[in-house]
């Protein structure tokens, strides 16, 4: 019995010592691993890589691995300057370059009550908007622009574009101007809130975001100096929750170009209009558009592909856009909202139109606001827009020697089914929508209804889709261009809803109008080249198109892109 107890004691001791030894080994191993990992820098790429120190070495699948075979972005990380430029390109209204250069200087104590707001403490709304909350309304600010036009009675001014959830805002606000090299702001009272809408159009209610152009005059000591940024506040000494870079774009050689085209927020998430868009862009390039500015809400991937292509060529610029406040920005739901809330849609469209105007005040002689189904078409002996205006402008000065604020073109419909009744033109590709549609309504819409304009940026103050709403130097005057000289060709499946009664007449009384065919060969050549470059053709379709100069069947489209008929 005693012998058994001795054996049990020995076994128990062995077990205890075994656990102690195992524990020591584990503790030692953990320390080794921890020490090894302490030697590894914790950057993102290391954390994502598999630790190969403990990997099995029996696999032969990567013995001949070539890193160049893996398509990943191996660029080095951006330095601070590159990052600043990248952010500024994404959010043009953010004065990040000014803040980055002066942040230490601006953070020093100043003798004034207002301090420069850190860009990390601004209140952003839906990415591109900045917010000012007041005791009587909320402001959503989109951009600020330097205005030194000779025809302005205010003198040097900063115009701030935004939306306010008030009609006839009563709240008193101030602009804090920040100039380069100045530690303290210069503060002025806001001069005016210019309403960019007519109350008779609807939505004239408190609580709905309304479009405004806000003016703040630059004080005389700083005439000739462009503010680096501006903030809006309710009380002079408030630390602002917004800070906008003041945009002042001038051509390097101070020589203006001819024509810019501005396109409101694109909302084609489900409609692949890529082929139609290519034809339209090429048509405008032929006519003389120096650049097309597209504001982008949500579009089909093929449209993105087209826009990226032309942006790389320098022919277009794409500006991302969102709706401010509590309005929806979720794809699909936003489209539904804009479809059902027509007045909200129209009021939101005013923002990109006027942003495009003020960013290009000093860059172009004329600015046109067009939809992608509209073309201002020269007639008679004019081929280019510049030739058209060389004829129109002298004629207009016989009526008003000091010139007009804008030049408007009568609208005429080229409805889809008018052409379908007459069949297809065999020497033109079916996918060339405008070239195929050469039957239009006999009658134009009434003068000043649904017109589009060439606006003189030196003279207009605020723009609406069809005409200027307010102008410098008094009441807006628009010159009606004779339909013998030019017309607005409007390619639609149907008339706008407000013209439902007249639309039947337009359908029943049509005429053939082949004005666009004077550009036919060049437009076909350019469009086929772009479609080929972008991979829209099935190869046999391209060969057929190139051989005949037309490509008579739309079935040749495909390959690198998903395409859908736009004949609707």
Foldseek 3Di string as FASTA:
>chain_A
DVVVVVVVVVVVVVVVVVVVVVVVVVVVVVVVVVVVVVVDDDDPVVVPDDDCPPDDPPDDPCVPPDVVVDDDDPDDDDDPVVVQVVVCVQAVFDLSVLCVVCVVVQPDDDPDLEGADDPVQADAWPPQWTWADDPAWIKTWHAKAWDQFPLFPLHTKIKTKTWIQADPDDQKKKKFFAAPPDNGTDIDTWDDWAFQDDVVVDPNDHRAIGITITIDHDDPVQRVGDTQWMFMYRDPNDHGNDITGHADDADPVLDAAAEEEEEFEDQAQPAPCLLLLLLLLLLQVQQPHQAYEYEYQHHHVSNVLNQVVVVVVVRYHYHYDDDGDPQDSDRPVNSVCCVVVVVSVQRRRQRRVVVVLRNCLRHHQWYWYDYSQKDWFFADPDHHPVSLCVVVFVVVCVVPVVGAQKAKFWEWEQALVLLVVVDFDQLAAPSSVVQRRFKTFPDTPDPPPPIIITGGSSWADGDGNHGGPGTRPDDHDYHYDDVNGIHMYGYYNFDPPVCVVVGVNRSVHMDGGNSVCVCVLVSLVSSLVSQVVSQQFDVVQSVVCVVSVHSHYPVRTHGPDDHDDPSD
